[in-house]
PDB file of N, CA and C in Angstrom:
ATOM      1  N   MET A   1     -24.226  -6.005  24.361  1.00  0.00           N
ATOM      2  CA  MET A   1     -23.935  -6.644  25.630  1.00  0.00           C
ATOM      3  C   MET A   1     -22.552  -6.209  26.074  1.00  0.00           C
ATOM      4  N   SER A   2     -22.443  -5.681  27.278  1.00  0.00           N
ATOM      5  CA  SER A   2     -21.134  -5.253  27.752  1.00  0.00           C
ATOM      6  C   SER A   2     -20.519  -6.360  28.600  1.00  0.00           C
ATOM      7  N   SER A   3     -19.196  -6.372  28.581  1.00  0.00           N
ATOM      8  CA  SER A   3     -18.460  -7.327  29.397  1.00  0.00           C
ATOM      9  C   SER A   3     -17.304  -6.590  30.044  1.00  0.00           C
ATOM     10  N   VAL A   4     -16.658  -7.232  30.978  1.00  0.00           N
ATOM     11  CA  VAL A   4     -15.524  -6.637  31.675  1.00  0.00           C
ATOM     12  C   VAL A   4     -14.256  -7.332  31.210  1.00  0.00           C
ATOM     13  N   VAL A   5     -13.301  -6.516  30.770  1.00  0.00           N
ATOM     14  CA  VAL A   5     -12.006  -7.013  30.340  1.00  0.00           C
ATOM     15  C   VAL A   5     -10.969  -6.364  31.248  1.00  0.00           C
ATOM     16  N   THR A   6     -10.109  -7.160  31.823  1.00  0.00           N
ATOM     17  CA  THR A   6      -9.052  -6.623  32.666  1.00  0.00           C
ATOM     18  C   THR A   6      -7.793  -6.460  31.832  1.00  0.00           C
ATOM     19  N   VAL A   7      -7.264  -5.236  31.833  1.00  0.00           N
ATOM     20  CA  VAL A   7      -6.060  -4.930  31.063  1.00  0.00           C
ATOM     21  C   VAL A   7      -4.994  -4.408  32.022  1.00  0.00           C
ATOM     22  N   GLU A   8      -3.760  -4.430  31.543  1.00  0.00           N
ATOM     23  CA  GLU A   8      -2.658  -3.899  32.341  1.00  0.00           C
ATOM     24  C   GLU A   8      -1.980  -2.784  31.563  1.00  0.00           C
ATOM     25  N   ILE A   9      -1.894  -1.633  32.226  1.00  0.00           N
ATOM     26  CA  ILE A   9      -1.243  -0.458  31.636  1.00  0.00           C
ATOM     27  C   ILE A   9      -0.328   0.142  32.691  1.00  0.00           C
ATOM     28  N   GLY A  10       0.929   0.274  32.350  1.00  0.00           N
ATOM     29  CA  GLY A  10       1.880   0.865  33.290  1.00  0.00           C
ATOM     30  C   GLY A  10       2.012   0.097  34.581  1.00  0.00           C
ATOM     31  N   GLY A  11       1.872  -1.206  34.500  1.00  0.00           N
ATOM     32  CA  GLY A  11       2.002  -2.038  35.695  1.00  0.00           C
ATOM     33  C   GLY A  11       0.760  -2.084  36.566  1.00  0.00           C
ATOM     34  N   GLN A  12      -0.284  -1.389  36.174  1.00  0.00           N
ATOM     35  CA  GLN A  12      -1.536  -1.379  36.935  1.00  0.00           C
ATOM     36  C   GLN A  12      -2.595  -2.145  36.157  1.00  0.00           C
ATOM     37  N   ARG A  13      -3.435  -2.871  36.884  1.00  0.00           N
ATOM     38  CA  ARG A  13      -4.513  -3.620  36.253  1.00  0.00           C
ATOM     39  C   ARG A  13      -5.797  -2.792  36.349  1.00  0.00           C
ATOM     40  N   TYR A  14      -6.529  -2.750  35.225  1.00  0.00           N
ATOM     41  CA  TYR A  14      -7.758  -1.975  35.152  1.00  0.00           C
ATOM     42  C   TYR A  14      -8.881  -2.829  34.577  1.00  0.00           C
ATOM     43  N   PRO A  15      -9.997  -2.942  35.293  1.00  0.00           N
ATOM     44  CA  PRO A  15     -11.159  -3.627  34.707  1.00  0.00           C
ATOM     45  C   PRO A  15     -11.903  -2.629  33.805  1.00  0.00           C
ATOM     46  N   ILE A  16     -12.107  -3.000  32.559  1.00  0.00           N
ATOM     47  CA  ILE A  16     -12.770  -2.131  31.599  1.00  0.00           C
ATOM     48  C   ILE A  16     -14.105  -2.759  31.209  1.00  0.00           C
ATOM     49  N   ARG A  17     -15.180  -2.057  31.502  1.00  0.00           N
ATOM     50  CA  ARG A  17     -16.513  -2.525  31.103  1.00  0.00           C
ATOM     51  C   ARG A  17     -16.850  -1.861  29.776  1.00  0.00           C
ATOM     52  N   SER A  18     -17.138  -2.688  28.774  1.00  0.00           N
ATOM     53  CA  SER A  18     -17.405  -2.137  27.447  1.00  0.00           C
ATOM     54  C   SER A  18     -18.169  -3.141  26.597  1.00  0.00           C
ATOM     55  N   ALA A  19     -18.861  -2.616  25.602  1.00  0.00           N
ATOM     56  CA  ALA A  19     -19.533  -3.460  24.616  1.00  0.00           C
ATOM     57  C   ALA A  19     -18.604  -3.752  23.441  1.00  0.00           C
ATOM     58  N   LEU A  20     -17.427  -3.128  23.439  1.00  0.00           N
ATOM     59  CA  LEU A  20     -16.456  -3.367  22.370  1.00  0.00           C
ATOM     60  C   LEU A  20     -15.886  -4.768  22.464  1.00  0.00           C
ATOM     61  N   ASP A  21     -15.351  -5.253  21.347  1.00  0.00           N
ATOM     62  CA  ASP A  21     -14.738  -6.572  21.298  1.00  0.00           C
ATOM     63  C   ASP A  21     -13.551  -6.647  22.260  1.00  0.00           C
ATOM     64  N   GLU A  22     -13.445  -7.736  22.976  1.00  0.00           N
ATOM     65  CA  GLU A  22     -12.389  -7.916  23.980  1.00  0.00           C
ATOM     66  C   GLU A  22     -10.993  -7.777  23.363  1.00  0.00           C
ATOM     67  N   ARG A  23     -10.803  -8.338  22.172  1.00  0.00           N
ATOM     68  CA  ARG A  23      -9.490  -8.237  21.515  1.00  0.00           C
ATOM     69  C   ARG A  23      -9.147  -6.803  21.175  1.00  0.00           C
ATOM     70  N   TYR A  24     -10.149  -6.036  20.772  1.00  0.00           N
ATOM     71  CA  TYR A  24      -9.929  -4.630  20.442  1.00  0.00           C
ATOM     72  C   TYR A  24      -9.518  -3.848  21.691  1.00  0.00           C
ATOM     73  N   ILE A  25     -10.204  -4.073  22.793  1.00  0.00           N
ATOM     74  CA  ILE A  25      -9.869  -3.403  24.051  1.00  0.00           C
ATOM     75  C   ILE A  25      -8.445  -3.767  24.471  1.00  0.00           C
ATOM     76  N   THR A  26      -8.102  -5.031  24.338  1.00  0.00           N
ATOM     77  CA  THR A  26      -6.758  -5.492  24.685  1.00  0.00           C
ATOM     78  C   THR A  26      -5.719  -4.814  23.801  1.00  0.00           C
ATOM     79  N   GLU A  27      -6.040  -4.673  22.510  1.00  0.00           N
ATOM     80  CA  GLU A  27      -5.133  -4.000  21.577  1.00  0.00           C
ATOM     81  C   GLU A  27      -4.959  -2.528  21.954  1.00  0.00           C
ATOM     82  N   LEU A  28      -6.053  -1.854  22.293  1.00  0.00           N
ATOM     83  CA  LEU A  28      -5.966  -0.463  22.722  1.00  0.00           C
ATOM     84  C   LEU A  28      -5.107  -0.325  23.973  1.00  0.00           C
ATOM     85  N   ALA A  29      -5.342  -1.203  24.930  1.00  0.00           N
ATOM     86  CA  ALA A  29      -4.576  -1.159  26.176  1.00  0.00           C
ATOM     87  C   ALA A  29      -3.097  -1.407  25.924  1.00  0.00           C
ATOM     88  N   ALA A  30      -2.777  -2.332  25.044  1.00  0.00           N
ATOM     89  CA  ALA A  30      -1.374  -2.615  24.715  1.00  0.00           C
ATOM     90  C   ALA A  30      -0.731  -1.392  24.072  1.00  0.00           C
ATOM     91  N   TYR A  31      -1.473  -0.689  23.241  1.00  0.00           N
ATOM     92  CA  TYR A  31      -0.954   0.521  22.596  1.00  0.00           C
ATOM     93  C   TYR A  31      -0.655   1.596  23.642  1.00  0.00           C
ATOM     94  N   VAL A  32      -1.609   1.815  24.536  1.00  0.00           N
ATOM     95  CA  VAL A  32      -1.416   2.819  25.587  1.00  0.00           C
ATOM     96  C   VAL A  32      -0.264   2.409  26.498  1.00  0.00           C
ATOM     97  N   ASP A  33      -0.184   1.120  26.835  1.00  0.00           N
ATOM     98  CA  ASP A  33       0.911   0.631  27.678  1.00  0.00           C
ATOM     99  C   ASP A  33       2.259   0.872  27.005  1.00  0.00           C
ATOM    100  N   GLN A  34       2.331   0.613  25.704  1.00  0.00           N
ATOM    101  CA  GLN A  34       3.575   0.836  24.961  1.00  0.00           C
ATOM    102  C   GLN A  34       3.946   2.317  24.996  1.00  0.00           C
ATOM    103  N   LYS A  35       2.968   3.193  24.833  1.00  0.00           N
ATOM    104  CA  LYS A  35       3.207   4.637  24.898  1.00  0.00           C
ATOM    105  C   LYS A  35       3.660   5.056  26.295  1.00  0.00           C
ATOM    106  N   MET A  36       3.063   4.456  27.319  1.00  0.00           N
ATOM    107  CA  MET A  36       3.451   4.761  28.708  1.00  0.00           C
ATOM    108  C   MET A  36       4.903   4.356  28.947  1.00  0.00           C
ATOM    109  N   ARG A  37       5.273   3.183  28.468  1.00  0.00           N
ATOM    110  CA  ARG A  37       6.653   2.713  28.650  1.00  0.00           C
ATOM    111  C   ARG A  37       7.641   3.616  27.917  1.00  0.00           C
ATOM    112  N   ALA A  38       7.297   4.011  26.693  1.00  0.00           N
ATOM    113  CA  ALA A  38       8.176   4.887  25.915  1.00  0.00           C
ATOM    114  C   ALA A  38       8.324   6.243  26.608  1.00  0.00           C
ATOM    115  N   ALA A  39       7.232   6.777  27.109  1.00  0.00           N
ATOM    116  CA  ALA A  39       7.288   8.067  27.806  1.00  0.00           C
ATOM    117  C   ALA A  39       8.081   7.946  29.097  1.00  0.00           C
ATOM    118  N   SER A  40       7.905   6.845  29.791  1.00  0.00           N
ATOM    119  CA  SER A  40       8.628   6.618  31.040  1.00  0.00           C
ATOM    120  C   SER A  40      10.127   6.502  30.789  1.00  0.00           C
ATOM    121  N   ASP A  41      10.495   5.839  29.702  1.00  0.00           N
ATOM    122  CA  ASP A  41      11.914   5.716  29.355  1.00  0.00           C
ATOM    123  C   ASP A  41      12.500   7.076  28.976  1.00  0.00           C
ATOM    124  N   ALA A  42      11.715   7.901  28.279  1.00  0.00           N
ATOM    125  CA  ALA A  42      12.190   9.207  27.826  1.00  0.00           C
ATOM    126  C   ALA A  42      12.242  10.230  28.953  1.00  0.00           C
ATOM    127  N   ALA A  43      11.302  10.150  29.874  1.00  0.00           N
ATOM    128  CA  ALA A  43      11.225  11.108  30.979  1.00  0.00           C
ATOM    129  C   ALA A  43      10.881  10.371  32.260  1.00  0.00           C
ATOM    130  N   PRO A  44      11.875   9.669  32.840  1.00  0.00           N
ATOM    131  CA  PRO A  44      11.588   8.886  34.046  1.00  0.00           C
ATOM    132  C   PRO A  44      11.026   9.765  35.168  1.00  0.00           C
ATOM    133  N   THR A  45       9.916   9.325  35.701  1.00  0.00           N
ATOM    134  CA  THR A  45       9.274  10.033  36.799  1.00  0.00           C
ATOM    135  C   THR A  45       8.421   9.044  37.573  1.00  0.00           C
ATOM    136  N   SER A  46       8.205   9.333  38.824  1.00  0.00           N
ATOM    137  CA  SER A  46       7.338   8.454  39.621  1.00  0.00           C
ATOM    138  C   SER A  46       5.900   8.960  39.598  1.00  0.00           C
ATOM    139  N   ASP A  47       5.673  10.087  38.944  1.00  0.00           N
ATOM    140  CA  ASP A  47       4.350  10.686  38.869  1.00  0.00           C
ATOM    141  C   ASP A  47       3.565  10.066  37.718  1.00  0.00           C
ATOM    142  N   MET A  48       2.763   9.050  38.019  1.00  0.00           N
ATOM    143  CA  MET A  48       2.003   8.344  36.980  1.00  0.00           C
ATOM    144  C   MET A  48       0.967   9.252  36.318  1.00  0.00           C
ATOM    145  N   LEU A  49       0.389  10.163  37.067  1.00  0.00           N
ATOM    146  CA  LEU A  49      -0.599  11.067  36.482  1.00  0.00           C
ATOM    147  C   LEU A  49       0.060  11.971  35.445  1.00  0.00           C
ATOM    148  N   GLY A  50       1.207  12.524  35.776  1.00  0.00           N
ATOM    149  CA  GLY A  50       1.931  13.366  34.819  1.00  0.00           C
ATOM    150  C   GLY A  50       2.317  12.586  33.580  1.00  0.00           C
ATOM    151  N   LEU A  51       2.755  11.344  33.789  1.00  0.00           N
ATOM    152  CA  LEU A  51       3.115  10.485  32.670  1.00  0.00           C
ATOM    153  C   LEU A  51       1.890  10.195  31.803  1.00  0.00           C
ATOM    154  N   ALA A  52       0.760   9.924  32.440  1.00  0.00           N
ATOM    155  CA  ALA A  52      -0.483   9.649  31.702  1.00  0.00           C
ATOM    156  C   ALA A  52      -0.915  10.873  30.897  1.00  0.00           C
ATOM    157  N   VAL A  53      -0.730  12.076  31.446  1.00  0.00           N
ATOM    158  CA  VAL A  53      -1.082  13.296  30.715  1.00  0.00           C
ATOM    159  C   VAL A  53      -0.174  13.458  29.498  1.00  0.00           C
ATOM    160  N   LEU A  54       1.126  13.194  29.655  1.00  0.00           N
ATOM    161  CA  LEU A  54       2.047  13.262  28.518  1.00  0.00           C
ATOM    162  C   LEU A  54       1.646  12.277  27.431  1.00  0.00           C
ATOM    163  N   VAL A  55       1.283  11.074  27.821  1.00  0.00           N
ATOM    164  CA  VAL A  55       0.859  10.055  26.860  1.00  0.00           C
ATOM    165  C   VAL A  55      -0.439  10.479  26.174  1.00  0.00           C
ATOM    166  N   ALA A  56      -1.373  11.019  26.952  1.00  0.00           N
ATOM    167  CA  ALA A  56      -2.633  11.480  26.363  1.00  0.00           C
ATOM    168  C   ALA A  56      -2.374  12.586  25.338  1.00  0.00           C
ATOM    169  N   LEU A  57      -1.471  13.500  25.652  1.00  0.00           N
ATOM    170  CA  LEU A  57      -1.126  14.561  24.701  1.00  0.00           C
ATOM    171  C   LEU A  57      -0.473  13.980  23.451  1.00  0.00           C
ATOM    172  N   ASN A  58       0.386  12.997  23.628  1.00  0.00           N
ATOM    173  CA  ASN A  58       1.048  12.360  22.491  1.00  0.00           C
ATOM    174  C   ASN A  58       0.039  11.669  21.588  1.00  0.00           C
ATOM    175  N   ILE A  59      -0.887  10.943  22.173  1.00  0.00           N
ATOM    176  CA  ILE A  59      -1.912  10.240  21.390  1.00  0.00           C
ATOM    177  C   ILE A  59      -2.850  11.252  20.726  1.00  0.00           C
ATOM    178  N   ALA A  60      -3.190  12.339  21.426  1.00  0.00           N
ATOM    179  CA  ALA A  60      -4.024  13.383  20.824  1.00  0.00           C
ATOM    180  C   ALA A  60      -3.296  14.011  19.634  1.00  0.00           C
ATOM    181  N   ASP A  61      -1.989  14.218  19.767  1.00  0.00           N
ATOM    182  CA  ASP A  61      -1.197  14.763  18.655  1.00  0.00           C
ATOM    183  C   ASP A  61      -1.237  13.816  17.460  1.00  0.00           C
ATOM    184  N   GLU A  62      -1.065  12.532  17.702  1.00  0.00           N
ATOM    185  CA  GLU A  62      -1.143  11.546  16.619  1.00  0.00           C
ATOM    186  C   GLU A  62      -2.506  11.620  15.930  1.00  0.00           C
ATOM    187  N   TYR A  63      -3.544  11.687  16.729  1.00  0.00           N
ATOM    188  CA  TYR A  63      -4.900  11.747  16.186  1.00  0.00           C
ATOM    189  C   TYR A  63      -5.099  13.008  15.344  1.00  0.00           C
ATOM    190  N   PHE A  64      -4.707  14.165  15.876  1.00  0.00           N
ATOM    191  CA  PHE A  64      -4.885  15.422  15.151  1.00  0.00           C
ATOM    192  C   PHE A  64      -4.098  15.428  13.848  1.00  0.00           C
ATOM    193  N   ARG A  65      -2.861  14.928  13.870  1.00  0.00           N
ATOM    194  CA  ARG A  65      -2.056  14.890  12.649  1.00  0.00           C
ATOM    195  C   ARG A  65      -2.712  13.978  11.600  1.00  0.00           C
ATOM    196  N   GLN A  66      -3.215  12.834  12.049  1.00  0.00           N
ATOM    197  CA  GLN A  66      -3.882  11.913  11.126  1.00  0.00           C
ATOM    198  C   GLN A  66      -5.160  12.527  10.576  1.00  0.00           C
ATOM    199  N   ARG A  67      -5.905  13.190  11.433  1.00  0.00           N
ATOM    200  CA  ARG A  67      -7.143  13.848  11.006  1.00  0.00           C
ATOM    201  C   ARG A  67      -6.842  14.930   9.973  1.00  0.00           C
ATOM    202  N   ASP A  68      -5.800  15.731  10.234  1.00  0.00           N
ATOM    203  CA  ASP A  68      -5.420  16.780   9.287  1.00  0.00           C
ATOM    204  C   ASP A  68      -4.959  16.190   7.967  1.00  0.00           C
ATOM    205  N   GLN A  69      -4.179  15.109   8.042  1.00  0.00           N
ATOM    206  CA  GLN A  69      -3.699  14.454   6.830  1.00  0.00           C
ATOM    207  C   GLN A  69      -4.870  13.902   6.020  1.00  0.00           C
ATOM    208  N   GLN A  70      -5.825  13.321   6.703  1.00  0.00           N
ATOM    209  CA  GLN A  70      -7.001  12.775   6.021  1.00  0.00           C
ATOM    210  C   GLN A  70      -7.805  13.904   5.376  1.00  0.00           C
ATOM    211  N   SER A  71      -7.894  15.034   6.052  1.00  0.00           N
ATOM    212  CA  SER A  71      -8.615  16.183   5.508  1.00  0.00           C
ATOM    213  C   SER A  71      -7.941  16.681   4.231  1.00  0.00           C
ATOM    214  N   VAL A  72      -6.617  16.752   4.250  1.00  0.00           N
ATOM    215  CA  VAL A  72      -5.870  17.173   3.060  1.00  0.00           C
ATOM    216  C   VAL A  72      -6.094  16.172   1.936  1.00  0.00           C
ATOM    217  N   SER A  73      -6.017  14.883   2.264  1.00  0.00           N
ATOM    218  CA  SER A  73      -6.220  13.849   1.248  1.00  0.00           C
ATOM    219  C   SER A  73      -7.622  13.924   0.668  1.00  0.00           C
ATOM    220  N   SER A  74      -8.611  14.158   1.516  1.00  0.00           N
ATOM    221  CA  SER A  74      -9.987  14.272   1.035  1.00  0.00           C
ATOM    222  C   SER A  74     -10.140  15.479   0.121  1.00  0.00           C
ATOM    223  N   GLY A  75      -9.478  16.588   0.467  1.00  0.00           N
ATOM    224  CA  GLY A  75      -9.527  17.783  -0.366  1.00  0.00           C
ATOM    225  C   GLY A  75      -8.893  17.524  -1.723  1.00  0.00           C
ATOM    226  N   ASP A  76      -7.758  16.824  -1.727  1.00  0.00           N
ATOM    227  CA  ASP A  76      -7.096  16.478  -2.989  1.00  0.00           C
ATOM    228  C   ASP A  76      -7.992  15.590  -3.844  1.00  0.00           C
ATOM    229  N   LEU A  77      -8.628  14.631  -3.214  1.00  0.00           N
ATOM    230  CA  LEU A  77      -9.519  13.728  -3.934  1.00  0.00           C
ATOM    231  C   LEU A  77     -10.707  14.490  -4.511  1.00  0.00           C
ATOM    232  N   HIS A  78     -11.251  15.409  -3.739  1.00  0.00           N
ATOM    233  CA  HIS A  78     -12.379  16.216  -4.215  1.00  0.00           C
ATOM    234  C   HIS A  78     -11.961  17.048  -5.426  1.00  0.00           C
ATOM    235  N   GLU A  79     -10.791  17.661  -5.355  1.00  0.00           N
ATOM    236  CA  GLU A  79     -10.296  18.472  -6.474  1.00  0.00           C
ATOM    237  C   GLU A  79     -10.118  17.615  -7.733  1.00  0.00           C
ATOM    238  N   ARG A  80      -9.564  16.428  -7.571  1.00  0.00           N
ATOM    239  CA  ARG A  80      -9.389  15.523  -8.706  1.00  0.00           C
ATOM    240  C   ARG A  80     -10.734  15.125  -9.303  1.00  0.00           C
ATOM    241  N   ALA A  81     -11.705  14.855  -8.439  1.00  0.00           N
ATOM    242  CA  ALA A  81     -13.040  14.476  -8.915  1.00  0.00           C
ATOM    243  C   ALA A  81     -13.674  15.632  -9.687  1.00  0.00           C
ATOM    244  N   MET A  82     -13.483  16.845  -9.214  1.00  0.00           N
ATOM    245  CA  MET A  82     -14.047  18.013  -9.904  1.00  0.00           C
ATOM    246  C   MET A  82     -13.388  18.194 -11.278  1.00  0.00           C
ATOM    247  N   ARG A  83     -12.080  18.006 -11.363  1.00  0.00           N
ATOM    248  CA  ARG A  83     -11.392  18.114 -12.657  1.00  0.00           C
ATOM    249  C   ARG A  83     -11.885  17.040 -13.620  1.00  0.00           C
ATOM    250  N   LEU A  84     -12.072  15.835 -13.091  1.00  0.00           N
ATOM    251  CA  LEU A  84     -12.579  14.742 -13.924  1.00  0.00           C
ATOM    252  C   LEU A  84     -13.981  15.053 -14.415  1.00  0.00           C
ATOM    253  N   GLU A  85     -14.801  15.606 -13.545  1.00  0.00           N
ATOM    254  CA  GLU A  85     -16.163  15.966 -13.933  1.00  0.00           C
ATOM    255  C   GLU A  85     -16.148  17.017 -15.043  1.00  0.00           C
ATOM    256  N   ARG A  86     -15.283  18.025 -14.922  1.00  0.00           N
ATOM    257  CA  ARG A  86     -15.162  19.040 -15.976  1.00  0.00           C
ATOM    258  C   ARG A  86     -14.702  18.412 -17.290  1.00  0.00           C
ATOM    259  N   PHE A  87     -13.743  17.496 -17.213  1.00  0.00           N
ATOM    260  CA  PHE A  87     -13.233  16.822 -18.394  1.00  0.00           C
ATOM    261  C   PHE A  87     -14.348  16.037 -19.095  1.00  0.00           C
ATOM    262  N   VAL A  88     -15.130  15.290 -18.322  1.00  0.00           N
ATOM    263  CA  VAL A  88     -16.242  14.506 -18.885  1.00  0.00           C
ATOM    264  C   VAL A  88     -17.282  15.441 -19.485  1.00  0.00           C
ATOM    265  N   ASP A  89     -17.604  16.534 -18.781  1.00  0.00           N
ATOM    266  CA  ASP A  89     -18.574  17.498 -19.316  1.00  0.00           C
ATOM    267  C   ASP A  89     -18.103  18.070 -20.648  1.00  0.00           C
ATOM    268  N   GLU A  90     -16.815  18.416 -20.731  1.00  0.00           N
ATOM    269  CA  GLU A  90     -16.263  18.953 -21.983  1.00  0.00           C
ATOM    270  C   GLU A  90     -16.327  17.911 -23.101  1.00  0.00           C
ATOM    271  N   ALA A  91     -15.979  16.669 -22.787  1.00  0.00           N
ATOM    272  CA  ALA A  91     -16.025  15.612 -23.794  1.00  0.00           C
ATOM    273  C   ALA A  91     -17.454  15.373 -24.270  1.00  0.00           C
ATOM    274  N   LEU A  92     -18.401  15.378 -23.357  1.00  0.00           N
ATOM    275  CA  LEU A  92     -19.806  15.190 -23.741  1.00  0.00           C
ATOM    276  C   LEU A  92     -20.306  16.359 -24.579  1.00  0.00           C
ATOM    277  N   ALA A  93     -19.869  17.566 -24.259  1.00  0.00           N
ATOM    278  CA  ALA A  93     -20.261  18.738 -25.037  1.00  0.00           C
ATOM    279  C   ALA A  93     -19.708  18.638 -26.458  1.00  0.00           C
ATOM    280  N   GLN A  94     -18.479  18.144 -26.590  1.00  0.00           N
ATOM    281  CA  GLN A  94     -17.889  17.973 -27.920  1.00  0.00           C
ATOM    282  C   GLN A  94     -18.648  16.935 -28.730  1.00  0.00           C
ATOM    283  N   VAL A  95     -19.029  15.840 -28.080  1.00  0.00           N
ATOM    284  CA  VAL A  95     -19.794  14.790 -28.775  1.00  0.00           C
ATOM    285  C   VAL A  95     -21.141  15.339 -29.195  1.00  0.00           C
ATOM    286  N   ALA A  96     -21.799  16.095 -28.337  1.00  0.00           N
ATOM    287  CA  ALA A  96     -23.112  16.677 -28.671  1.00  0.00           C
ATOM    288  C   ALA A  96     -22.973  17.675 -29.816  1.00  0.00           C
ATOM    289  N   ALA A  97     -21.902  18.448 -29.824  1.00  0.00           N
ATOM    290  CA  ALA A  97     -21.688  19.420 -30.896  1.00  0.00           C
ATOM    291  C   ALA A  97     -21.457  18.716 -32.228  1.00  0.00           C
ATOM    292  N   LYS A  98     -20.730  17.614 -32.232  1.00  0.00           N
ATOM    293  CA  LYS A  98     -20.482  16.863 -33.458  1.00  0.00           C
ATOM    294  C   LYS A  98     -21.774  16.254 -33.995  1.00  0.00           C
ATOM    295  N   ARG A  99     -22.637  15.824 -33.091  1.00  0.00           N
ATOM    296  CA  ARG A  99     -23.914  15.229 -33.502  1.00  0.00           C
ATOM    297  C   ARG A  99     -24.843  16.280 -34.083  1.00  0.00           C
ATOM    298  N   ALA A 100     -24.706  17.508 -33.606  1.00  0.00           N
ATOM    299  CA  ALA A 100     -25.570  18.581 -34.066  1.00  0.00           C
ATOM    300  C   ALA A 100     -25.207  19.044 -35.485  1.00  0.00           C
ATOM    301  N   VAL A 101     -23.999  18.722 -35.912  1.00  0.00           N
ATOM    302  CA  VAL A 101     -23.547  19.172 -37.250  1.00  0.00           C
ATOM    303  C   VAL A 101     -24.101  18.304 -38.327  1.00  0.00           C
TER     304      VAL A 101
END
């Protein structure tokens, strides 16, 4: 079921129709608003579209960095799991060899 949530970003009110939880939408809007304010303070301009593009690029950068970090972490975890698997295989082979004697 979708509902309409009105949020404020950069001094403008936007009605957002979504099936997402209202609190989540409000949290997202607050995050974007905070980014808009920070960008506006860093590069004051009256061009809201340009400011929105800068914010979108900043958020995309955050996302890409997090995605890359997660990929590295997943790779590290996979490598550790493979080493553990080899260790267990070696230990089981030793136990089987001792039983065969």
